[in-house]
Amino acid sequence: MADYSISFARSARKELERLPGDVVDRILGKIEALSKNPRPAGVIKLHGQSNLWRMRIGDYRVIYSIEDFVRTIDVSVIRHRRDVYRDL
């Protein structure tokens, strides 16, 4: 079975660059693991959204979409838990 490719929205990449180094390492490790299993335990589909999933990583949340047909994952939001749902 082929792995999923992962892409980042420009805003998600900028949000990631502003975080401390140890947090970035933890988040990138979890995101890279999504290429093998895009729906691991603990990840939930967001209600009221067409194809958005949420992954918890400490105090941060990663919001992403999965396209099974083309085997891609698009990371759209990486934010602290207090701010993540404001603009969805």
PDB file of N, CA and C in Angstrom:
ATOM      1  N   MET A   1       0.840  -1.173   0.000  1.00  0.00           N
ATOM      2  CA  MET A   1       0.000   0.000   0.000  1.00  0.00           C
ATOM      3  C   MET A   1       0.892   1.247   0.000  1.00  0.00           C
ATOM      4  N   ALA A   2       0.618   2.176  -0.884  1.00  0.00           N
ATOM      5  CA  ALA A   2       1.420   3.386  -1.009  1.00  0.00           C
ATOM      6  C   ALA A   2       1.102   4.377   0.107  1.00  0.00           C
ATOM      7  N   ASP A   3       2.103   5.154   0.471  1.00  0.00           N
ATOM      8  CA  ASP A   3       1.918   6.168   1.500  1.00  0.00           C
ATOM      9  C   ASP A   3       1.165   7.373   0.942  1.00  0.00           C
ATOM     10  N   TYR A   4       0.595   8.144   1.844  1.00  0.00           N
ATOM     11  CA  TYR A   4      -0.061   9.393   1.491  1.00  0.00           C
ATOM     12  C   TYR A   4       1.000  10.488   1.408  1.00  0.00           C
ATOM     13  N   SER A   5       0.829  11.421   0.484  1.00  0.00           N
ATOM     14  CA  SER A   5       1.720  12.578   0.441  1.00  0.00           C
ATOM     15  C   SER A   5       1.111  13.683   1.310  1.00  0.00           C
ATOM     16  N   ILE A   6       1.957  14.482   1.922  1.00  0.00           N
ATOM     17  CA  ILE A   6       1.514  15.512   2.855  1.00  0.00           C
ATOM     18  C   ILE A   6       1.902  16.875   2.304  1.00  0.00           C
ATOM     19  N   SER A   7       0.920  17.787   2.295  1.00  0.00           N
ATOM     20  CA  SER A   7       1.195  19.169   1.891  1.00  0.00           C
ATOM     21  C   SER A   7       0.686  20.103   2.985  1.00  0.00           C
ATOM     22  N   PHE A   8       1.305  21.266   3.053  1.00  0.00           N
ATOM     23  CA  PHE A   8       0.955  22.270   4.057  1.00  0.00           C
ATOM     24  C   PHE A   8       0.405  23.514   3.373  1.00  0.00           C
ATOM     25  N   ALA A   9      -0.662  24.068   3.922  1.00  0.00           N
ATOM     26  CA  ALA A   9      -1.121  25.382   3.481  1.00  0.00           C
ATOM     27  C   ALA A   9      -0.073  26.402   3.905  1.00  0.00           C
ATOM     28  N   ARG A  10       0.028  27.482   3.175  1.00  0.00           N
ATOM     29  CA  ARG A  10       1.021  28.507   3.507  1.00  0.00           C
ATOM     30  C   ARG A  10       0.828  29.026   4.924  1.00  0.00           C
ATOM     31  N   SER A  11      -0.425  29.221   5.332  1.00  0.00           N
ATOM     32  CA  SER A  11      -0.702  29.717   6.684  1.00  0.00           C
ATOM     33  C   SER A  11      -0.268  28.706   7.745  1.00  0.00           C
ATOM     34  N   ALA A  12      -0.452  27.415   7.478  1.00  0.00           N
ATOM     35  CA  ALA A  12      -0.031  26.386   8.440  1.00  0.00           C
ATOM     36  C   ALA A  12       1.490  26.362   8.562  1.00  0.00           C
ATOM     37  N   ARG A  13       2.171  26.542   7.461  1.00  0.00           N
ATOM     38  CA  ARG A  13       3.639  26.562   7.484  1.00  0.00           C
ATOM     39  C   ARG A  13       4.150  27.751   8.303  1.00  0.00           C
ATOM     40  N   LYS A  14       3.515  28.906   8.138  1.00  0.00           N
ATOM     41  CA  LYS A  14       3.908  30.091   8.907  1.00  0.00           C
ATOM     42  C   LYS A  14       3.631  29.897  10.392  1.00  0.00           C
ATOM     43  N   GLU A  15       2.485  29.304  10.712  1.00  0.00           N
ATOM     44  CA  GLU A  15       2.161  29.051  12.117  1.00  0.00           C
ATOM     45  C   GLU A  15       3.183  28.106  12.738  1.00  0.00           C
ATOM     46  N   LEU A  16       3.606  27.106  11.981  1.00  0.00           N
ATOM     47  CA  LEU A  16       4.589  26.147  12.470  1.00  0.00           C
ATOM     48  C   LEU A  16       5.947  26.812  12.707  1.00  0.00           C
ATOM     49  N   GLU A  17       6.330  27.738  11.848  1.00  0.00           N
ATOM     50  CA  GLU A  17       7.620  28.422  11.988  1.00  0.00           C
ATOM     51  C   GLU A  17       7.687  29.289  13.236  1.00  0.00           C
ATOM     52  N   ARG A  18       6.551  29.751  13.739  1.00  0.00           N
ATOM     53  CA  ARG A  18       6.523  30.618  14.919  1.00  0.00           C
ATOM     54  C   ARG A  18       6.587  29.851  16.235  1.00  0.00           C
ATOM     55  N   LEU A  19       6.447  28.547  16.194  1.00  0.00           N
ATOM     56  CA  LEU A  19       6.418  27.745  17.421  1.00  0.00           C
ATOM     57  C   LEU A  19       7.825  27.424  17.909  1.00  0.00           C
ATOM     58  N   PRO A  20       7.968  27.114  19.212  1.00  0.00           N
ATOM     59  CA  PRO A  20       9.278  26.708  19.745  1.00  0.00           C
ATOM     60  C   PRO A  20       9.767  25.405  19.094  1.00  0.00           C
ATOM     61  N   GLY A  21      11.075  25.224  19.046  1.00  0.00           N
ATOM     62  CA  GLY A  21      11.673  24.079  18.364  1.00  0.00           C
ATOM     63  C   GLY A  21      11.224  22.726  18.860  1.00  0.00           C
ATOM     64  N   ASP A  22      11.103  22.540  20.179  1.00  0.00           N
ATOM     65  CA  ASP A  22      10.704  21.233  20.696  1.00  0.00           C
ATOM     66  C   ASP A  22       9.260  20.911  20.320  1.00  0.00           C
ATOM     67  N   VAL A  23       8.405  21.914  20.269  1.00  0.00           N
ATOM     68  CA  VAL A  23       7.005  21.703  19.871  1.00  0.00           C
ATOM     69  C   VAL A  23       6.938  21.355  18.387  1.00  0.00           C
ATOM     70  N   VAL A  24       7.738  22.038  17.584  1.00  0.00           N
ATOM     71  CA  VAL A  24       7.774  21.769  16.143  1.00  0.00           C
ATOM     72  C   VAL A  24       8.190  20.324  15.889  1.00  0.00           C
ATOM     73  N   ASP A  25       9.198  19.840  16.594  1.00  0.00           N
ATOM     74  CA  ASP A  25       9.656  18.459  16.417  1.00  0.00           C
ATOM     75  C   ASP A  25       8.553  17.451  16.727  1.00  0.00           C
ATOM     76  N   ARG A  26       7.823  17.680  17.826  1.00  0.00           N
ATOM     77  CA  ARG A  26       6.715  16.777  18.186  1.00  0.00           C
ATOM     78  C   ARG A  26       5.619  16.801  17.132  1.00  0.00           C
ATOM     79  N   ILE A  27       5.256  17.996  16.677  1.00  0.00           N
ATOM     80  CA  ILE A  27       4.178  18.130  15.696  1.00  0.00           C
ATOM     81  C   ILE A  27       4.570  17.501  14.366  1.00  0.00           C
ATOM     82  N   LEU A  28       5.778  17.773  13.889  1.00  0.00           N
ATOM     83  CA  LEU A  28       6.215  17.206  12.610  1.00  0.00           C
ATOM     84  C   LEU A  28       6.295  15.681  12.657  1.00  0.00           C
ATOM     85  N   GLY A  29       6.703  15.139  13.797  1.00  0.00           N
ATOM     86  CA  GLY A  29       6.736  13.684  13.932  1.00  0.00           C
ATOM     87  C   GLY A  29       5.362  13.067  13.784  1.00  0.00           C
ATOM     88  N   LYS A  30       4.370  13.682  14.413  1.00  0.00           N
ATOM     89  CA  LYS A  30       2.994  13.173  14.319  1.00  0.00           C
ATOM     90  C   LYS A  30       2.432  13.353  12.910  1.00  0.00           C
ATOM     91  N   ILE A  31       2.736  14.486  12.278  1.00  0.00           N
ATOM     92  CA  ILE A  31       2.243  14.718  10.919  1.00  0.00           C
ATOM     93  C   ILE A  31       2.872  13.730   9.945  1.00  0.00           C
ATOM     94  N   GLU A  32       4.164  13.452  10.090  1.00  0.00           N
ATOM     95  CA  GLU A  32       4.820  12.482   9.218  1.00  0.00           C
ATOM     96  C   GLU A  32       4.215  11.088   9.372  1.00  0.00           C
ATOM     97  N   ALA A  33       3.788  10.750  10.580  1.00  0.00           N
ATOM     98  CA  ALA A  33       3.159   9.441  10.814  1.00  0.00           C
ATOM     99  C   ALA A  33       1.823   9.325  10.079  1.00  0.00           C
ATOM    100  N   LEU A  34       1.199  10.451   9.755  1.00  0.00           N
ATOM    101  CA  LEU A  34      -0.067  10.422   9.019  1.00  0.00           C
ATOM    102  C   LEU A  34       0.092   9.838   7.624  1.00  0.00           C
ATOM    103  N   SER A  35       1.294   9.887   7.062  1.00  0.00           N
ATOM    104  CA  SER A  35       1.494   9.340   5.720  1.00  0.00           C
ATOM    105  C   SER A  35       1.266   7.828   5.690  1.00  0.00           C
ATOM    106  N   LYS A  36       1.513   7.161   6.792  1.00  0.00           N
ATOM    107  CA  LYS A  36       1.267   5.710   6.884  1.00  0.00           C
ATOM    108  C   LYS A  36      -0.177   5.403   7.271  1.00  0.00           C
ATOM    109  N   ASN A  37      -0.715   6.184   8.223  1.00  0.00           N
ATOM    110  CA  ASN A  37      -2.072   5.962   8.714  1.00  0.00           C
ATOM    111  C   ASN A  37      -2.743   7.321   8.909  1.00  0.00           C
ATOM    112  N   PRO A  38      -3.566   7.769   7.949  1.00  0.00           N
ATOM    113  CA  PRO A  38      -4.154   9.109   8.040  1.00  0.00           C
ATOM    114  C   PRO A  38      -5.248   9.249   9.089  1.00  0.00           C
ATOM    115  N   ARG A  39      -5.723   8.143   9.638  1.00  0.00           N
ATOM    116  CA  ARG A  39      -6.762   8.185  10.669  1.00  0.00           C
ATOM    117  C   ARG A  39      -6.345   7.361  11.891  1.00  0.00           C
ATOM    118  N   PRO A  40      -5.284   7.788  12.594  1.00  0.00           N
ATOM    119  CA  PRO A  40      -4.841   7.022  13.769  1.00  0.00           C
ATOM    120  C   PRO A  40      -5.817   7.172  14.930  1.00  0.00           C
ATOM    121  N   ALA A  41      -5.620   6.373  15.956  1.00  0.00           N
ATOM    122  CA  ALA A  41      -6.458   6.454  17.152  1.00  0.00           C
ATOM    123  C   ALA A  41      -6.341   7.840  17.767  1.00  0.00           C
ATOM    124  N   GLY A  42      -7.466   8.381  18.212  1.00  0.00           N
ATOM    125  CA  GLY A  42      -7.484   9.688  18.845  1.00  0.00           C
ATOM    126  C   GLY A  42      -7.787  10.831  17.897  1.00  0.00           C
ATOM    127  N   VAL A  43      -7.766  10.582  16.594  1.00  0.00           N
ATOM    128  CA  VAL A  43      -8.080  11.614  15.611  1.00  0.00           C
ATOM    129  C   VAL A  43      -9.577  11.556  15.344  1.00  0.00           C
ATOM    130  N   ILE A  44     -10.232  12.725  15.327  1.00  0.00           N
ATOM    131  CA  ILE A  44     -11.674  12.734  15.092  1.00  0.00           C
ATOM    132  C   ILE A  44     -12.016  13.613  13.896  1.00  0.00           C
ATOM    133  N   LYS A  45     -13.129  13.288  13.262  1.00  0.00           N
ATOM    134  CA  LYS A  45     -13.659  14.110  12.181  1.00  0.00           C
ATOM    135  C   LYS A  45     -14.426  15.256  12.808  1.00  0.00           C
ATOM    136  N   LEU A  46     -14.224  16.459  12.304  1.00  0.00           N
ATOM    137  CA  LEU A  46     -14.901  17.628  12.859  1.00  0.00           C
ATOM    138  C   LEU A  46     -16.346  17.670  12.384  1.00  0.00           C
ATOM    139  N   HIS A  47     -17.260  17.900  13.296  1.00  0.00           N
ATOM    140  CA  HIS A  47     -18.674  18.001  12.972  1.00  0.00           C
ATOM    141  C   HIS A  47     -18.943  19.296  12.231  1.00  0.00           C
ATOM    142  N   GLY A  48     -19.821  19.254  11.249  1.00  0.00           N
ATOM    143  CA  GLY A  48     -20.178  20.450  10.508  1.00  0.00           C
ATOM    144  C   GLY A  48     -19.187  20.827   9.424  1.00  0.00           C
ATOM    145  N   GLN A  49     -18.154  20.036   9.242  1.00  0.00           N
ATOM    146  CA  GLN A  49     -17.150  20.289   8.209  1.00  0.00           C
ATOM    147  C   GLN A  49     -17.167  19.122   7.234  1.00  0.00           C
ATOM    148  N   SER A  50     -16.950  19.398   5.983  1.00  0.00           N
ATOM    149  CA  SER A  50     -17.083  18.355   4.973  1.00  0.00           C
ATOM    150  C   SER A  50     -16.017  17.264   5.082  1.00  0.00           C
ATOM    151  N   ASN A  51     -14.765  17.643   5.217  1.00  0.00           N
ATOM    152  CA  ASN A  51     -13.705  16.638   5.210  1.00  0.00           C
ATOM    153  C   ASN A  51     -12.527  17.068   6.083  1.00  0.00           C
ATOM    154  N   LEU A  52     -12.791  17.577   7.271  1.00  0.00           N
ATOM    155  CA  LEU A  52     -11.718  18.026   8.147  1.00  0.00           C
ATOM    156  C   LEU A  52     -11.576  17.097   9.342  1.00  0.00           C
ATOM    157  N   TRP A  53     -10.332  16.826   9.691  1.00  0.00           N
ATOM    158  CA  TRP A  53      -9.992  15.962  10.810  1.00  0.00           C
ATOM    159  C   TRP A  53      -9.128  16.742  11.787  1.00  0.00           C
ATOM    160  N   ARG A  54      -9.191  16.379  13.078  1.00  0.00           N
ATOM    161  CA  ARG A  54      -8.425  17.068  14.112  1.00  0.00           C
ATOM    162  C   ARG A  54      -7.525  16.086  14.838  1.00  0.00           C
ATOM    163  N   MET A  55      -6.265  16.496  15.007  1.00  0.00           N
ATOM    164  CA  MET A  55      -5.310  15.704  15.769  1.00  0.00           C
ATOM    165  C   MET A  55      -4.808  16.555  16.926  1.00  0.00           C
ATOM    166  N   ARG A  56      -4.841  15.998  18.138  1.00  0.00           N
ATOM    167  CA  ARG A  56      -4.348  16.684  19.326  1.00  0.00           C
ATOM    168  C   ARG A  56      -2.885  16.326  19.554  1.00  0.00           C
ATOM    169  N   ILE A  57      -2.071  17.361  19.780  1.00  0.00           N
ATOM    170  CA  ILE A  57      -0.658  17.157  20.109  1.00  0.00           C
ATOM    171  C   ILE A  57      -0.354  18.100  21.257  1.00  0.00           C
ATOM    172  N   GLY A  58      -0.492  17.630  22.473  1.00  0.00           N
ATOM    173  CA  GLY A  58      -0.310  18.477  23.641  1.00  0.00           C
ATOM    174  C   GLY A  58      -1.346  19.590  23.650  1.00  0.00           C
ATOM    175  N   ASP A  59      -0.896  20.834  23.751  1.00  0.00           N
ATOM    176  CA  ASP A  59      -1.799  21.985  23.741  1.00  0.00           C
ATOM    177  C   ASP A  59      -2.088  22.485  22.335  1.00  0.00           C
ATOM    178  N   TYR A  60      -1.583  21.804  21.313  1.00  0.00           N
ATOM    179  CA  TYR A  60      -1.759  22.247  19.938  1.00  0.00           C
ATOM    180  C   TYR A  60      -2.681  21.307  19.185  1.00  0.00           C
ATOM    181  N   ARG A  61      -3.326  21.846  18.158  1.00  0.00           N
ATOM    182  CA  ARG A  61      -4.227  21.081  17.319  1.00  0.00           C
ATOM    183  C   ARG A  61      -3.792  21.226  15.874  1.00  0.00           C
ATOM    184  N   VAL A  62      -3.874  20.128  15.146  1.00  0.00           N
ATOM    185  CA  VAL A  62      -3.579  20.115  13.723  1.00  0.00           C
ATOM    186  C   VAL A  62      -4.882  19.753  13.013  1.00  0.00           C
ATOM    187  N   ILE A  63      -5.328  20.633  12.124  1.00  0.00           N
ATOM    188  CA  ILE A  63      -6.537  20.397  11.342  1.00  0.00           C
ATOM    189  C   ILE A  63      -6.083  20.059   9.926  1.00  0.00           C
ATOM    190  N   TYR A  64      -6.603  18.946   9.392  1.00  0.00           N
ATOM    191  CA  TYR A  64      -6.176  18.526   8.060  1.00  0.00           C
ATOM    192  C   TYR A  64      -7.321  17.838   7.326  1.00  0.00           C
ATOM    193  N   SER A  65      -7.167  17.741   6.017  1.00  0.00           N
ATOM    194  CA  SER A  65      -8.146  17.031   5.196  1.00  0.00           C
ATOM    195  C   SER A  65      -7.453  15.847   4.526  1.00  0.00           C
ATOM    196  N   ILE A  66      -8.248  14.829   4.217  1.00  0.00           N
ATOM    197  CA  ILE A  66      -7.730  13.604   3.605  1.00  0.00           C
ATOM    198  C   ILE A  66      -8.425  13.398   2.271  1.00  0.00           C
ATOM    199  N   GLU A  67      -7.648  13.203   1.229  1.00  0.00           N
ATOM    200  CA  GLU A  67      -8.176  12.860  -0.091  1.00  0.00           C
ATOM    201  C   GLU A  67      -7.719  11.434  -0.401  1.00  0.00           C
ATOM    202  N   ASP A  68      -8.581  10.454  -0.139  1.00  0.00           N
ATOM    203  CA  ASP A  68      -8.204   9.056  -0.319  1.00  0.00           C
ATOM    204  C   ASP A  68      -7.966   8.689  -1.779  1.00  0.00           C
ATOM    205  N   PHE A  69      -8.727   9.281  -2.678  1.00  0.00           N
ATOM    206  CA  PHE A  69      -8.619   8.923  -4.094  1.00  0.00           C
ATOM    207  C   PHE A  69      -7.240   9.249  -4.656  1.00  0.00           C
ATOM    208  N   VAL A  70      -6.685  10.395  -4.269  1.00  0.00           N
ATOM    209  CA  VAL A  70      -5.356  10.779  -4.760  1.00  0.00           C
ATOM    210  C   VAL A  70      -4.273  10.580  -3.706  1.00  0.00           C
ATOM    211  N   ARG A  71      -4.658  10.061  -2.537  1.00  0.00           N
ATOM    212  CA  ARG A  71      -3.748   9.710  -1.445  1.00  0.00           C
ATOM    213  C   ARG A  71      -2.911  10.909  -0.989  1.00  0.00           C
ATOM    214  N   THR A  72      -3.608  12.002  -0.660  1.00  0.00           N
ATOM    215  CA  THR A  72      -2.935  13.194  -0.149  1.00  0.00           C
ATOM    216  C   THR A  72      -3.574  13.650   1.157  1.00  0.00           C
ATOM    217  N   ILE A  73      -2.772  14.295   1.969  1.00  0.00           N
ATOM    218  CA  ILE A  73      -3.215  14.914   3.216  1.00  0.00           C
ATOM    219  C   ILE A  73      -2.802  16.379   3.131  1.00  0.00           C
ATOM    220  N   ASP A  74      -3.763  17.278   3.358  1.00  0.00           N
ATOM    221  CA  ASP A  74      -3.485  18.706   3.309  1.00  0.00           C
ATOM    222  C   ASP A  74      -3.649  19.291   4.703  1.00  0.00           C
ATOM    223  N   VAL A  75      -2.546  19.707   5.309  1.00  0.00           N
ATOM    224  CA  VAL A  75      -2.568  20.315   6.639  1.00  0.00           C
ATOM    225  C   VAL A  75      -2.928  21.780   6.463  1.00  0.00           C
ATOM    226  N   SER A  76      -4.055  22.196   7.063  1.00  0.00           N
ATOM    227  CA  SER A  76      -4.525  23.564   6.844  1.00  0.00           C
ATOM    228  C   SER A  76      -4.328  24.470   8.053  1.00  0.00           C
ATOM    229  N   VAL A  77      -4.342  23.925   9.276  1.00  0.00           N
ATOM    230  CA  VAL A  77      -4.231  24.755  10.478  1.00  0.00           C
ATOM    231  C   VAL A  77      -3.371  24.045  11.520  1.00  0.00           C
ATOM    232  N   ILE A  78      -2.449  24.790  12.136  1.00  0.00           N
ATOM    233  CA  ILE A  78      -1.682  24.327  13.291  1.00  0.00           C
ATOM    234  C   ILE A  78      -1.711  25.474  14.289  1.00  0.00           C
ATOM    235  N   ARG A  79      -2.465  25.297  15.381  1.00  0.00           N
ATOM    236  CA  ARG A  79      -2.597  26.378  16.359  1.00  0.00           C
ATOM    237  C   ARG A  79      -2.745  25.829  17.768  1.00  0.00           C
ATOM    238  N   HIS A  80      -2.601  26.744  18.720  1.00  0.00           N
ATOM    239  CA  HIS A  80      -2.856  26.419  20.129  1.00  0.00           C
ATOM    240  C   HIS A  80      -4.337  26.105  20.286  1.00  0.00           C
ATOM    241  N   ARG A  81      -4.672  25.279  21.238  1.00  0.00           N
ATOM    242  CA  ARG A  81      -6.048  24.825  21.402  1.00  0.00           C
ATOM    243  C   ARG A  81      -7.031  25.948  21.696  1.00  0.00           C
ATOM    244  N   ARG A  82      -6.586  27.060  22.286  1.00  0.00           N
ATOM    245  CA  ARG A  82      -7.500  28.153  22.596  1.00  0.00           C
ATOM    246  C   ARG A  82      -7.877  28.952  21.355  1.00  0.00           C
ATOM    247  N   ASP A  83      -7.085  28.862  20.278  1.00  0.00           N
ATOM    248  CA  ASP A  83      -7.304  29.663  19.081  1.00  0.00           C
ATOM    249  C   ASP A  83      -7.758  28.882  17.860  1.00  0.00           C
ATOM    250  N   VAL A  84      -7.683  27.588  17.891  1.00  0.00           N
ATOM    251  CA  VAL A  84      -7.804  26.803  16.656  1.00  0.00           C
ATOM    252  C   VAL A  84      -9.193  26.848  16.030  1.00  0.00           C
ATOM    253  N   TYR A  85     -10.255  26.907  16.788  1.00  0.00           N
ATOM    254  CA  TYR A  85     -11.590  26.780  16.223  1.00  0.00           C
ATOM    255  C   TYR A  85     -12.247  28.121  15.903  1.00  0.00           C
ATOM    256  N   ARG A  86     -11.572  29.214  16.094  1.00  0.00           N
ATOM    257  CA  ARG A  86     -12.165  30.540  15.904  1.00  0.00           C
ATOM    258  C   ARG A  86     -12.517  30.835  14.456  1.00  0.00           C
ATOM    259  N   ASP A  87     -11.709  30.399  13.514  1.00  0.00           N
ATOM    260  CA  ASP A  87     -11.922  30.756  12.111  1.00  0.00           C
ATOM    261  C   ASP A  87     -12.458  29.611  11.244  1.00  0.00           C
ATOM    262  N   LEU A  88     -12.783  28.480  11.821  1.00  0.00           N
ATOM    263  CA  LEU A  88     -13.253  27.355  11.017  1.00  0.00           C
ATOM    264  C   LEU A  88     -14.684  27.525  10.616  1.00  0.00           C
TER     265      LEU A  88
END
